Amino acid sequence: MSVRLFALSLLCAFTTSMAPVAWAQAKNTDTGYVPQRGQAGKDVIWIPTPQGLIDKMLDVARVGSGDLVYDLGAGDGIIAITAAGRYGARAVGIEYNPQMADFARRKVAEAGLSDRVRIITGDIFKEDFSAATVVTLYLYPDLNMRLRPTILAMKPGTRVVSHAFTMGDWEPDETVTDQTARAFFWVVPAQVEGEWTLNGMDGGPVKLSFRQLFQQVGGMATIQGVSQPLVGVRLRGNELSFKMSLPDRQMVSFTGRVSGKNISGTLNTPTANLSVDARRN
């Protein structure tokens, strides 16, 4: 079996028919183009994501009224329509097929959401979606991998949900299912790999050294010339936390945020909460 046929079989196994949505049930009176399940596209075939999974995808991404959702490969626009109509977000769908894009625009208009949803006729590898706070996609694994560098370069904390397929060795933060359908969720991590100097502690600066594989982070702290491993390092978007032991063996914990070449936050000690910051060396 070819890779493409294998991917197609997986695609069909993970999908069911779309459930109706109250605010998207307006009758389509247009007598022109109507997409057909399984029709060929530029790089994929069109199989709609089931409504139950759409809801879980947007739930796990915690979509709200302050979000800008980009759906890559928008198809009939149902994900963008759901994000706006049910979750109050603004949404943009990018669809390569001009007829499908026009069909999606009609569905947006029928749902009364033209002020919150925009459908772009374009190529997901050429359009700029860097302003998104949430990205949704339902593509083949090879397309996910082509997009991965672009997604990883997005603002830390950007939420990403993919129906059916993963992104190689970038392990998902969470997985959601609806009947036989499944989706994977990631938060784009900040880049912390390398050497940092932490200031604000008694006894002088602390040298921090982080190693990183996507959101998985470990590291070492050097305090007064003594090195030790950081404990419980956790990176979610730009939120970083870890614990370390002081020379007197007291355990302290750090929670803070990464912003480019700076990490700022609070060091919680048994006697005080200190405001500290670290700069990349």
Protein backbone atom coordinates (compact mmCIF):
# COMPACT_ATOMS: atom_id res chain seq x y z
CA MET A 1 0.00 0.00 0.00
CA SER A 2 1.38 3.44 -0.91
CA VAL A 3 2.00 6.09 1.76
CA ARG A 4 -0.73 8.26 0.27
CA LEU A 5 -3.28 5.40 0.27
CA PHE A 6 -2.31 4.51 3.82
CA ALA A 7 -2.82 8.13 4.90
CA LEU A 8 -6.18 8.12 3.09
CA SER A 9 -7.29 5.00 4.96
CA LEU A 10 -6.36 6.62 8.27
CA LEU A 11 -8.17 9.77 7.26
CA CYS A 12 -11.38 7.89 6.59
CA ALA A 13 -11.08 5.85 9.77
CA PHE A 14 -10.87 8.96 11.96
CA THR A 15 -13.84 10.84 10.45
CA THR A 16 -17.62 10.63 10.50
CA SER A 17 -20.32 12.83 9.04
CA MET A 18 -20.64 16.38 10.34
CA ALA A 19 -23.32 16.86 12.97
CA PRO A 20 -25.63 19.85 12.38
CA VAL A 21 -25.04 23.08 14.25
CA ALA A 22 -28.02 25.29 15.08
CA TRP A 23 -26.44 28.55 13.94
CA ALA A 24 -25.05 26.95 10.75
CA GLN A 25 -28.24 25.24 9.57
CA ALA A 26 -29.53 28.04 7.37
CA LYS A 27 -30.79 26.52 4.13
CA ASN A 28 -28.35 26.74 1.24
CA THR A 29 -30.44 28.10 -1.61
CA ASP A 30 -27.49 28.36 -3.99
CA THR A 31 -27.83 25.90 -6.86
CA GLY A 32 -24.17 26.01 -7.88
CA TYR A 33 -21.13 24.27 -6.49
CA VAL A 34 -21.55 21.86 -3.57
CA PRO A 35 -18.45 20.01 -2.29
CA GLN A 36 -18.42 16.24 -2.29
CA ARG A 37 -16.94 14.20 0.55
CA GLY A 38 -13.67 12.64 -0.64
CA GLN A 39 -13.13 15.06 -3.52
CA ALA A 40 -9.51 15.70 -4.50
CA GLY A 41 -7.79 18.96 -3.60
CA LYS A 42 -4.32 20.44 -4.14
CA ASP A 43 -2.57 18.24 -1.56
CA VAL A 44 -5.39 16.42 0.26
CA ILE A 45 -8.85 15.07 -0.24
CA TRP A 46 -11.76 16.83 1.47
CA ILE A 47 -13.30 14.97 4.39
CA PRO A 48 -15.09 17.17 6.93
CA THR A 49 -14.09 17.07 10.58
CA PRO A 50 -17.04 15.81 12.68
CA GLN A 51 -18.75 18.49 14.72
CA GLY A 52 -18.18 16.66 18.00
CA LEU A 53 -14.43 16.67 17.42
CA ILE A 54 -14.46 20.31 16.31
CA ASP A 55 -15.98 21.26 19.65
CA LYS A 56 -13.35 19.25 21.53
CA MET A 57 -10.53 20.74 19.43
CA LEU A 58 -11.66 24.26 20.23
CA ASP A 59 -12.29 23.34 23.86
CA VAL A 60 -8.81 21.91 24.39
CA ALA A 61 -7.36 25.06 22.79
CA ARG A 62 -9.49 27.13 25.20
CA VAL A 63 -10.79 29.31 22.38
CA GLY A 64 -12.53 32.46 23.54
CA SER A 65 -13.69 35.86 22.39
CA GLY A 66 -10.16 37.28 22.48
CA ASP A 67 -8.74 34.72 20.04
CA LEU A 68 -7.92 34.87 16.37
CA VAL A 69 -8.31 31.36 14.94
CA TYR A 70 -6.74 30.40 11.61
CA ASP A 71 -8.01 27.19 10.00
CA LEU A 72 -5.48 25.89 7.48
CA GLY A 73 -7.34 24.17 4.68
CA ALA A 74 -10.75 25.58 5.61
CA GLY A 75 -12.90 23.42 3.35
CA ASP A 76 -16.55 24.34 3.88
CA GLY A 77 -15.61 26.75 6.68
CA ILE A 78 -17.21 24.78 9.52
CA ILE A 79 -14.29 25.13 11.96
CA ALA A 80 -14.04 28.89 11.43
CA ILE A 81 -17.83 29.19 11.70
CA THR A 82 -17.85 27.17 14.93
CA ALA A 83 -15.00 29.22 16.43
CA ALA A 84 -16.90 32.44 15.79
CA GLY A 85 -20.49 31.32 16.30
CA ARG A 86 -20.09 29.14 19.37
CA TYR A 87 -16.90 30.50 20.98
CA GLY A 88 -17.07 34.17 20.02
CA ALA A 89 -13.64 34.26 18.39
CA ARG A 90 -12.57 35.95 15.20
CA ALA A 91 -11.63 33.40 12.56
CA VAL A 92 -9.88 33.17 9.22
CA GLY A 93 -10.02 30.15 6.94
CA ILE A 94 -7.44 29.59 4.21
CA GLU A 95 -8.74 27.45 1.34
CA TYR A 96 -6.89 26.74 -1.92
CA ASN A 97 -9.89 25.66 -4.05
CA PRO A 98 -11.70 28.84 -5.25
CA GLN A 99 -15.05 27.06 -5.56
CA MET A 100 -14.75 25.60 -2.07
CA ALA A 101 -13.71 29.01 -0.71
CA ASP A 102 -16.79 30.62 -2.30
CA PHE A 103 -18.96 27.87 -0.84
CA ALA A 104 -17.46 28.49 2.62
CA ARG A 105 -18.14 32.22 2.27
CA ARG A 106 -21.79 31.46 1.52
CA LYS A 107 -21.98 29.28 4.64
CA VAL A 108 -20.41 32.08 6.69
CA ALA A 109 -23.01 34.53 5.35
CA GLU A 110 -25.85 32.10 6.02
CA ALA A 111 -24.65 31.78 9.60
CA GLY A 112 -24.67 35.58 9.96
CA LEU A 113 -20.97 35.67 10.81
CA SER A 114 -19.46 37.72 8.00
CA ASP A 115 -18.30 40.31 10.54
CA ARG A 116 -16.25 37.71 12.45
CA VAL A 117 -15.17 35.16 9.83
CA ARG A 118 -13.07 35.71 6.72
CA ILE A 119 -12.32 33.04 4.12
CA ILE A 120 -9.15 33.56 2.09
CA THR A 121 -8.60 31.86 -1.26
CA GLY A 122 -4.93 31.03 -0.93
CA ASP A 123 -2.10 28.58 -0.30
CA ILE A 124 -1.40 27.75 3.35
CA PHE A 125 2.34 27.66 2.55
CA LYS A 126 2.26 31.21 1.19
CA GLU A 127 -0.34 33.03 3.31
CA ASP A 128 0.76 34.75 6.52
CA PHE A 129 -1.01 33.34 9.59
CA SER A 130 1.54 34.53 12.15
CA ALA A 131 -1.07 36.70 13.93
CA ALA A 132 -3.09 33.63 14.95
CA THR A 133 -3.49 32.77 18.61
CA VAL A 134 -4.98 29.40 17.62
CA VAL A 135 -4.21 27.30 14.54
CA THR A 136 -6.34 24.34 13.43
CA LEU A 137 -5.53 21.93 10.64
CA TYR A 138 -6.51 18.62 9.08
CA LEU A 139 -3.73 17.70 6.69
CA TYR A 140 -1.56 14.74 5.79
CA PRO A 141 1.49 14.03 8.00
CA ASP A 142 3.96 15.27 5.37
CA LEU A 143 2.12 18.60 5.17
CA ASN A 144 2.12 18.91 8.96
CA MET A 145 5.89 18.42 8.90
CA ARG A 146 6.32 21.05 6.17
CA LEU A 147 4.35 23.50 8.30
CA ARG A 148 6.07 22.60 11.57
CA PRO A 149 9.02 25.03 11.27
CA THR A 150 6.61 27.89 10.55
CA ILE A 151 4.41 26.95 13.49
CA LEU A 152 7.35 26.57 15.88
CA ALA A 153 8.49 30.08 14.88
CA MET A 154 5.15 31.56 15.94
CA LYS A 155 4.67 33.48 19.16
CA PRO A 156 5.20 31.23 22.21
CA GLY A 157 1.84 30.26 23.65
CA THR A 158 0.15 29.91 20.26
CA ARG A 159 -2.21 26.93 20.45
CA VAL A 160 -2.29 24.33 17.68
CA VAL A 161 -4.77 21.51 17.09
CA SER A 162 -4.46 18.90 14.35
CA HIS A 163 -7.20 16.44 13.43
CA ALA A 164 -5.90 12.87 12.98
CA PHE A 165 -2.19 13.48 12.41
CA THR A 166 0.78 14.40 14.60
CA MET A 167 3.93 16.44 13.91
CA GLY A 168 6.63 13.82 14.03
CA ASP A 169 8.73 13.82 17.19
CA TRP A 170 7.06 16.98 18.52
CA GLU A 171 4.93 15.18 21.09
CA PRO A 172 1.45 16.63 21.69
CA ASP A 173 0.61 18.23 25.02
CA GLU A 174 -2.84 16.63 24.96
CA THR A 175 -4.97 14.29 22.84
CA VAL A 176 -8.75 14.48 22.47
CA THR A 177 -11.16 11.99 20.93
CA ASP A 178 -14.74 11.91 19.72
CA GLN A 179 -15.99 8.43 18.87
CA THR A 180 -13.43 7.19 16.29
CA ALA A 181 -11.96 10.63 15.55
CA ARG A 182 -8.89 12.00 17.29
CA ALA A 183 -7.01 15.30 17.47
CA PHE A 184 -3.67 16.42 18.89
CA PHE A 185 -2.96 19.65 20.78
CA TRP A 186 0.29 21.58 21.21
CA VAL A 187 1.34 24.90 22.72
CA VAL A 188 4.18 26.55 20.82
CA PRO A 189 7.11 26.63 23.28
CA ALA A 190 9.49 29.51 23.93
CA GLN A 191 13.13 28.92 23.03
CA VAL A 192 15.21 28.53 26.21
CA GLU A 193 18.05 26.29 25.03
CA GLY A 194 21.41 27.69 26.08
CA GLU A 195 23.15 29.58 28.87
CA TRP A 196 21.49 32.17 31.13
CA THR A 197 22.52 34.29 34.13
CA LEU A 198 19.94 34.62 36.92
CA ASN A 199 20.21 37.79 39.03
CA GLY A 200 18.43 38.93 42.17
CA MET A 201 19.52 36.22 44.61
CA ASP A 202 21.66 36.64 47.71
CA GLY A 203 25.14 35.24 47.22
CA GLY A 204 25.53 36.42 43.65
CA PRO A 205 24.26 35.39 40.22
CA VAL A 206 23.25 31.85 39.32
CA LYS A 207 24.29 30.30 36.03
CA LEU A 208 21.50 28.37 34.32
CA SER A 209 22.01 25.97 31.44
CA PHE A 210 18.96 24.59 29.59
CA ARG A 211 18.71 21.82 27.04
CA GLN A 212 15.47 21.61 25.07
CA LEU A 213 13.52 19.36 22.73
CA PHE A 214 10.36 21.31 21.89
CA GLN A 215 8.45 21.69 25.20
CA GLN A 216 10.62 19.12 26.99
CA VAL A 217 13.31 20.97 28.98
CA GLY A 218 16.03 19.99 31.45
CA GLY A 219 18.95 21.88 32.83
CA MET A 220 21.61 22.65 35.38
CA ALA A 221 22.14 25.46 37.90
CA THR A 222 25.57 26.56 39.07
CA ILE A 223 25.47 28.35 42.43
CA GLN A 224 28.70 29.58 44.00
CA GLY A 225 30.67 27.25 41.77
CA VAL A 226 28.60 24.15 42.57
CA SER A 227 26.50 22.62 39.75
CA GLN A 228 23.32 20.65 40.24
CA PRO A 229 20.39 19.53 38.06
CA LEU A 230 17.24 21.58 37.93
CA VAL A 231 14.21 19.66 39.18
CA GLY A 232 10.73 19.51 37.66
CA VAL A 233 11.40 21.87 34.77
CA ARG A 234 8.17 22.69 32.97
CA LEU A 235 7.74 24.86 29.88
CA ARG A 236 4.29 25.62 28.51
CA GLY A 237 4.35 28.34 25.91
CA ASN A 238 6.34 31.13 27.54
CA GLU A 239 5.61 29.98 31.10
CA LEU A 240 8.64 28.41 32.77
CA SER A 241 8.99 26.80 36.20
CA PHE A 242 11.61 24.72 37.98
CA LYS A 243 13.10 23.93 41.39
CA MET A 244 16.72 23.99 42.57
CA SER A 245 18.64 23.44 45.77
CA LEU A 246 20.64 26.23 47.45
CA PRO A 247 24.11 25.62 48.93
CA ASP A 248 22.46 25.16 52.36
CA ARG A 249 20.28 22.48 50.69
CA GLN A 250 17.08 24.49 50.95
CA MET A 251 14.86 23.83 47.96
CA VAL A 252 13.56 26.93 46.16
CA SER A 253 11.14 27.17 43.24
CA PHE A 254 10.96 29.56 40.31
CA THR A 255 7.92 30.54 38.24
CA GLY A 256 8.11 33.10 35.48
CA ARG A 257 7.83 34.00 31.81
CA VAL A 258 10.21 33.91 28.89
CA SER A 259 10.37 36.98 26.66
CA GLY A 260 13.03 36.72 24.01
CA LYS A 261 16.41 37.00 25.74
CA ASN A 262 14.88 37.63 29.16
CA ILE A 263 13.23 35.42 31.79
CA SER A 264 11.53 37.22 34.66
CA GLY A 265 9.59 35.86 37.59
CA THR A 266 9.52 34.98 41.26
CA LEU A 267 11.85 32.79 43.28
CA ASN A 268 9.98 31.31 46.23
CA THR A 269 12.25 30.54 49.19
CA PRO A 270 11.37 29.34 52.71
CA THR A 271 11.74 32.93 53.99
CA ALA A 272 10.86 35.25 51.10
CA ASN A 273 9.53 35.63 47.58
CA LEU A 274 12.18 37.32 45.44
CA SER A 275 11.70 39.06 42.09
CA VAL A 276 14.46 37.79 39.83
CA ASP A 277 15.36 37.88 36.18
CA ALA A 278 17.67 36.00 33.88
CA ARG A 279 19.42 37.16 30.74
CA ARG A 280 20.63 34.95 27.93
CA ASN A 281 24.44 34.88 27.78
